[in-house]
Amino acid sequence: MSEQQVPNQLNIEISEEMAEGQYANLAIITHSHAEFVVDFVNVMPGTPKSRVKSRIILTPQHAKRLLHALQENVEKFEVAHGTIKDFEEVQIPFQYAGPVAQA
């Protein structure tokens, strides 16, 4: 083992295409008893149709970990940059042909 490698270290790689990322301004979350499905969508004003840019499927345990990680990071962001102002809830009329939420 090299000096730079730490035991049990996870080595994560990212392709150039994936590193570019996808912009999304809408997340649609559905769930069943076994999984959470998060669809990320880029909705453009004046465009009658939008397409899911990315779908992430999580176990309930990983969804909860993501919730906590996002909360922690939002708090760190707000300490560094000030409170994020939330806009009033905007009702977007849309039809979605994704999975149906089940409890």
N, C-alpha and C. Protein backbone atom coordinates (compact mmCIF):
# COMPACT_ATOMS: atom_id res chain seq x y z
N MET A 1 0.85 -1.17 0.00
CA MET A 1 0.00 0.00 0.00
C MET A 1 0.89 1.23 0.00
N SER A 2 0.58 2.20 -0.84
CA SER A 2 1.38 3.41 -0.92
C SER A 2 1.13 4.29 0.31
N GLU A 3 2.05 5.21 0.57
CA GLU A 3 1.93 6.11 1.71
C GLU A 3 0.72 7.03 1.58
N GLN A 4 0.31 7.33 0.34
CA GLN A 4 -0.79 8.28 0.11
C GLN A 4 -2.15 7.63 0.28
N GLN A 5 -2.20 6.30 0.27
CA GLN A 5 -3.49 5.63 0.35
C GLN A 5 -3.83 5.33 1.81
N VAL A 6 -5.02 5.72 2.22
CA VAL A 6 -5.49 5.48 3.58
C VAL A 6 -6.33 4.22 3.57
N PRO A 7 -6.15 3.32 4.56
CA PRO A 7 -6.98 2.11 4.59
C PRO A 7 -8.47 2.47 4.63
N ASN A 8 -9.29 1.69 3.94
CA ASN A 8 -10.74 1.89 3.86
C ASN A 8 -11.13 3.19 3.18
N GLN A 9 -10.23 3.80 2.43
CA GLN A 9 -10.55 5.03 1.70
C GLN A 9 -11.29 4.68 0.42
N LEU A 10 -12.36 5.41 0.15
CA LEU A 10 -13.14 5.20 -1.07
C LEU A 10 -12.62 6.15 -2.14
N ASN A 11 -12.25 5.61 -3.27
CA ASN A 11 -11.73 6.40 -4.37
C ASN A 11 -12.86 6.59 -5.39
N ILE A 12 -13.33 7.83 -5.54
CA ILE A 12 -14.46 8.12 -6.41
C ILE A 12 -13.98 8.88 -7.63
N GLU A 13 -14.41 8.43 -8.81
CA GLU A 13 -14.04 9.10 -10.06
C GLU A 13 -15.31 9.68 -10.70
N ILE A 14 -15.12 10.71 -11.52
CA ILE A 14 -16.25 11.33 -12.23
C ILE A 14 -15.81 11.60 -13.67
N SER A 15 -16.68 11.24 -14.62
CA SER A 15 -16.36 11.47 -16.03
C SER A 15 -16.51 12.96 -16.33
N GLU A 16 -15.90 13.40 -17.42
CA GLU A 16 -16.02 14.82 -17.82
C GLU A 16 -17.48 15.18 -18.08
N GLU A 17 -18.21 14.30 -18.74
CA GLU A 17 -19.62 14.57 -19.05
C GLU A 17 -20.44 14.73 -17.76
N MET A 18 -20.21 13.85 -16.80
CA MET A 18 -20.95 13.92 -15.54
C MET A 18 -20.53 15.16 -14.74
N ALA A 19 -19.27 15.54 -14.82
CA ALA A 19 -18.77 16.70 -14.07
C ALA A 19 -19.42 18.00 -14.53
N GLU A 20 -19.89 18.04 -15.78
CA GLU A 20 -20.57 19.23 -16.29
C GLU A 20 -21.89 19.45 -15.56
N GLY A 21 -22.52 18.39 -15.09
CA GLY A 21 -23.74 18.48 -14.33
C GLY A 21 -24.96 18.81 -15.18
N GLN A 22 -26.11 18.83 -14.54
CA GLN A 22 -27.38 19.18 -15.17
C GLN A 22 -28.04 20.24 -14.29
N TYR A 23 -28.57 21.28 -14.89
CA TYR A 23 -29.29 22.30 -14.14
C TYR A 23 -30.73 21.83 -13.95
N ALA A 24 -31.24 22.00 -12.75
CA ALA A 24 -32.64 21.68 -12.46
C ALA A 24 -33.21 22.75 -11.55
N ASN A 25 -34.45 23.16 -11.82
CA ASN A 25 -35.11 24.12 -10.96
C ASN A 25 -36.42 23.55 -10.40
N LEU A 26 -36.59 22.24 -10.54
CA LEU A 26 -37.74 21.55 -9.99
C LEU A 26 -37.33 20.13 -9.64
N ALA A 27 -37.70 19.68 -8.46
CA ALA A 27 -37.49 18.29 -8.06
C ALA A 27 -38.85 17.70 -7.71
N ILE A 28 -39.14 16.55 -8.27
CA ILE A 28 -40.38 15.85 -7.99
C ILE A 28 -40.01 14.58 -7.22
N ILE A 29 -40.57 14.45 -6.02
CA ILE A 29 -40.20 13.34 -5.15
C ILE A 29 -41.41 12.44 -4.94
N THR A 30 -41.25 11.16 -5.23
CA THR A 30 -42.28 10.17 -4.98
C THR A 30 -41.64 9.04 -4.18
N HIS A 31 -42.46 8.21 -3.60
CA HIS A 31 -41.90 7.10 -2.81
C HIS A 31 -42.86 5.93 -2.73
N SER A 32 -42.28 4.79 -2.45
CA SER A 32 -43.03 3.58 -2.14
C SER A 32 -42.53 3.12 -0.78
N HIS A 33 -42.91 1.95 -0.35
CA HIS A 33 -42.43 1.45 0.93
C HIS A 33 -40.93 1.13 0.89
N ALA A 34 -40.36 0.96 -0.29
CA ALA A 34 -38.98 0.50 -0.40
C ALA A 34 -38.01 1.52 -0.98
N GLU A 35 -38.51 2.59 -1.60
CA GLU A 35 -37.58 3.51 -2.26
C GLU A 35 -38.18 4.91 -2.41
N PHE A 36 -37.28 5.87 -2.53
CA PHE A 36 -37.63 7.25 -2.87
C PHE A 36 -37.10 7.49 -4.27
N VAL A 37 -37.91 8.15 -5.11
CA VAL A 37 -37.50 8.50 -6.47
C VAL A 37 -37.50 10.02 -6.56
N VAL A 38 -36.34 10.58 -6.91
CA VAL A 38 -36.22 12.03 -7.06
C VAL A 38 -35.92 12.31 -8.53
N ASP A 39 -36.87 12.99 -9.19
CA ASP A 39 -36.69 13.39 -10.58
C ASP A 39 -36.36 14.88 -10.61
N PHE A 40 -35.26 15.22 -11.28
CA PHE A 40 -34.83 16.60 -11.41
C PHE A 40 -35.21 17.08 -12.80
N VAL A 41 -35.88 18.25 -12.84
CA VAL A 41 -36.43 18.79 -14.08
C VAL A 41 -35.96 20.22 -14.26
N ASN A 42 -35.75 20.63 -15.50
CA ASN A 42 -35.45 22.02 -15.83
C ASN A 42 -36.68 22.58 -16.54
N VAL A 43 -37.45 23.39 -15.81
CA VAL A 43 -38.67 23.99 -16.36
C VAL A 43 -38.32 25.38 -16.89
N MET A 44 -38.58 25.61 -18.17
CA MET A 44 -38.29 26.91 -18.78
C MET A 44 -39.59 27.68 -18.96
N PRO A 45 -39.59 28.97 -18.61
CA PRO A 45 -40.79 29.79 -18.76
C PRO A 45 -41.28 29.80 -20.20
N GLY A 46 -42.59 29.70 -20.37
CA GLY A 46 -43.17 29.76 -21.71
C GLY A 46 -43.06 28.46 -22.49
N THR A 47 -42.46 27.45 -21.89
CA THR A 47 -42.33 26.16 -22.56
C THR A 47 -43.37 25.20 -21.99
N PRO A 48 -44.25 24.68 -22.84
CA PRO A 48 -45.34 23.85 -22.33
C PRO A 48 -44.90 22.45 -21.88
N LYS A 49 -43.69 22.04 -22.24
CA LYS A 49 -43.27 20.68 -21.92
C LYS A 49 -41.84 20.72 -21.38
N SER A 50 -41.60 19.94 -20.35
CA SER A 50 -40.25 19.81 -19.80
C SER A 50 -39.93 18.33 -19.68
N ARG A 51 -38.64 18.04 -19.56
CA ARG A 51 -38.20 16.65 -19.52
C ARG A 51 -37.36 16.42 -18.27
N VAL A 52 -37.49 15.25 -17.69
CA VAL A 52 -36.66 14.88 -16.55
C VAL A 52 -35.21 14.81 -17.02
N LYS A 53 -34.34 15.53 -16.31
CA LYS A 53 -32.91 15.56 -16.66
C LYS A 53 -32.13 14.47 -15.95
N SER A 54 -32.60 14.11 -14.74
CA SER A 54 -31.90 13.10 -13.97
C SER A 54 -32.87 12.47 -12.99
N ARG A 55 -32.74 11.17 -12.77
CA ARG A 55 -33.57 10.45 -11.80
C ARG A 55 -32.63 9.74 -10.84
N ILE A 56 -32.85 9.97 -9.56
CA ILE A 56 -32.06 9.32 -8.53
C ILE A 56 -33.02 8.47 -7.69
N ILE A 57 -32.68 7.21 -7.49
CA ILE A 57 -33.49 6.29 -6.70
C ILE A 57 -32.71 5.94 -5.44
N LEU A 58 -33.35 6.16 -4.28
CA LEU A 58 -32.70 5.98 -2.99
C LEU A 58 -33.50 5.05 -2.10
N THR A 59 -32.79 4.34 -1.22
CA THR A 59 -33.48 3.62 -0.16
C THR A 59 -34.01 4.65 0.83
N PRO A 60 -34.99 4.31 1.64
CA PRO A 60 -35.46 5.26 2.65
C PRO A 60 -34.33 5.72 3.58
N GLN A 61 -33.42 4.84 3.93
CA GLN A 61 -32.30 5.21 4.80
C GLN A 61 -31.39 6.23 4.13
N HIS A 62 -31.11 6.04 2.85
CA HIS A 62 -30.26 7.00 2.14
C HIS A 62 -30.98 8.31 1.89
N ALA A 63 -32.31 8.26 1.71
CA ALA A 63 -33.08 9.50 1.55
C ALA A 63 -32.97 10.33 2.83
N LYS A 64 -33.05 9.67 3.97
CA LYS A 64 -32.94 10.39 5.24
C LYS A 64 -31.54 10.96 5.43
N ARG A 65 -30.52 10.21 5.04
CA ARG A 65 -29.14 10.71 5.10
C ARG A 65 -28.97 11.93 4.19
N LEU A 66 -29.57 11.88 3.01
CA LEU A 66 -29.51 13.02 2.09
C LEU A 66 -30.20 14.23 2.69
N LEU A 67 -31.36 14.03 3.30
CA LEU A 67 -32.08 15.11 3.97
C LEU A 67 -31.18 15.80 5.00
N HIS A 68 -30.53 15.01 5.85
CA HIS A 68 -29.67 15.58 6.88
C HIS A 68 -28.44 16.28 6.27
N ALA A 69 -27.86 15.68 5.24
CA ALA A 69 -26.69 16.28 4.59
C ALA A 69 -27.05 17.61 3.93
N LEU A 70 -28.21 17.68 3.28
CA LEU A 70 -28.65 18.93 2.67
C LEU A 70 -28.91 19.99 3.74
N GLN A 71 -29.56 19.60 4.84
CA GLN A 71 -29.84 20.54 5.93
C GLN A 71 -28.54 21.10 6.49
N GLU A 72 -27.58 20.23 6.73
CA GLU A 72 -26.29 20.66 7.28
C GLU A 72 -25.58 21.62 6.32
N ASN A 73 -25.62 21.31 5.04
CA ASN A 73 -24.94 22.16 4.06
C ASN A 73 -25.64 23.49 3.85
N VAL A 74 -26.97 23.51 3.91
CA VAL A 74 -27.70 24.78 3.81
C VAL A 74 -27.35 25.66 5.00
N GLU A 75 -27.29 25.07 6.19
CA GLU A 75 -26.92 25.83 7.38
C GLU A 75 -25.52 26.41 7.25
N LYS A 76 -24.56 25.62 6.76
CA LYS A 76 -23.18 26.11 6.56
C LYS A 76 -23.16 27.24 5.53
N PHE A 77 -23.93 27.09 4.44
CA PHE A 77 -24.01 28.11 3.41
C PHE A 77 -24.53 29.41 4.00
N GLU A 78 -25.61 29.32 4.79
CA GLU A 78 -26.22 30.52 5.35
C GLU A 78 -25.30 31.21 6.36
N VAL A 79 -24.50 30.46 7.08
CA VAL A 79 -23.53 31.07 7.99
C VAL A 79 -22.51 31.87 7.18
N ALA A 80 -22.08 31.33 6.06
CA ALA A 80 -21.06 31.99 5.24
C ALA A 80 -21.63 33.12 4.37
N HIS A 81 -22.88 32.97 3.89
CA HIS A 81 -23.40 33.90 2.87
C HIS A 81 -24.70 34.59 3.25
N GLY A 82 -25.25 34.31 4.40
CA GLY A 82 -26.51 34.92 4.79
C GLY A 82 -27.69 34.01 4.49
N THR A 83 -28.82 34.37 5.07
CA THR A 83 -30.03 33.58 4.94
C THR A 83 -30.49 33.50 3.49
N ILE A 84 -30.84 32.31 3.07
CA ILE A 84 -31.39 32.11 1.73
C ILE A 84 -32.85 32.51 1.80
N LYS A 85 -33.25 33.45 0.97
CA LYS A 85 -34.63 33.90 0.94
C LYS A 85 -35.45 32.92 0.11
N ASP A 86 -36.50 32.42 0.71
CA ASP A 86 -37.38 31.49 0.02
C ASP A 86 -38.51 32.28 -0.63
N PHE A 87 -38.77 32.02 -1.89
CA PHE A 87 -39.87 32.68 -2.58
C PHE A 87 -41.17 32.06 -2.10
N GLU A 88 -42.25 32.82 -2.23
CA GLU A 88 -43.55 32.24 -1.92
C GLU A 88 -43.75 31.04 -2.82
N GLU A 89 -44.49 30.08 -2.31
CA GLU A 89 -44.75 28.88 -3.08
C GLU A 89 -45.43 29.24 -4.39
N VAL A 90 -44.87 28.76 -5.47
CA VAL A 90 -45.43 29.00 -6.80
C VAL A 90 -46.11 27.72 -7.25
N GLN A 91 -47.37 27.82 -7.61
CA GLN A 91 -48.10 26.66 -8.10
C GLN A 91 -47.83 26.50 -9.59
N ILE A 92 -47.21 25.40 -9.95
CA ILE A 92 -46.92 25.13 -11.35
C ILE A 92 -47.88 24.04 -11.81
N PRO A 93 -48.79 24.36 -12.72
CA PRO A 93 -49.70 23.32 -13.21
C PRO A 93 -48.93 22.39 -14.15
N PHE A 94 -48.85 21.14 -13.78
CA PHE A 94 -48.14 20.22 -14.67
C PHE A 94 -48.74 18.82 -14.57
N GLN A 95 -48.53 18.07 -15.64
CA GLN A 95 -48.89 16.67 -15.66
C GLN A 95 -47.60 15.90 -15.62
N TYR A 96 -47.57 14.90 -14.78
CA TYR A 96 -46.33 14.15 -14.59
C TYR A 96 -46.62 12.68 -14.76
N ALA A 97 -45.89 12.06 -15.66
CA ALA A 97 -46.11 10.65 -15.96
C ALA A 97 -45.11 9.77 -15.24
N GLY A 98 -44.65 10.20 -14.08
CA GLY A 98 -43.68 9.43 -13.31
C GLY A 98 -44.38 8.47 -12.37
N PRO A 99 -43.60 7.88 -11.44
CA PRO A 99 -44.19 6.93 -10.51
C PRO A 99 -45.19 7.61 -9.57
N VAL A 100 -46.19 6.89 -9.16
CA VAL A 100 -47.21 7.39 -8.26
C VAL A 100 -46.74 7.16 -6.83
N ALA A 101 -46.87 8.18 -5.99
CA ALA A 101 -46.45 8.05 -4.59
C ALA A 101 -47.32 7.05 -3.87
N GLN A 102 -46.67 6.22 -3.06
CA GLN A 102 -47.38 5.25 -2.25
C GLN A 102 -46.81 5.27 -0.85
N ALA A 103 -47.64 5.16 0.13
CA ALA A 103 -47.15 5.14 1.51
C ALA A 103 -46.93 3.73 1.97
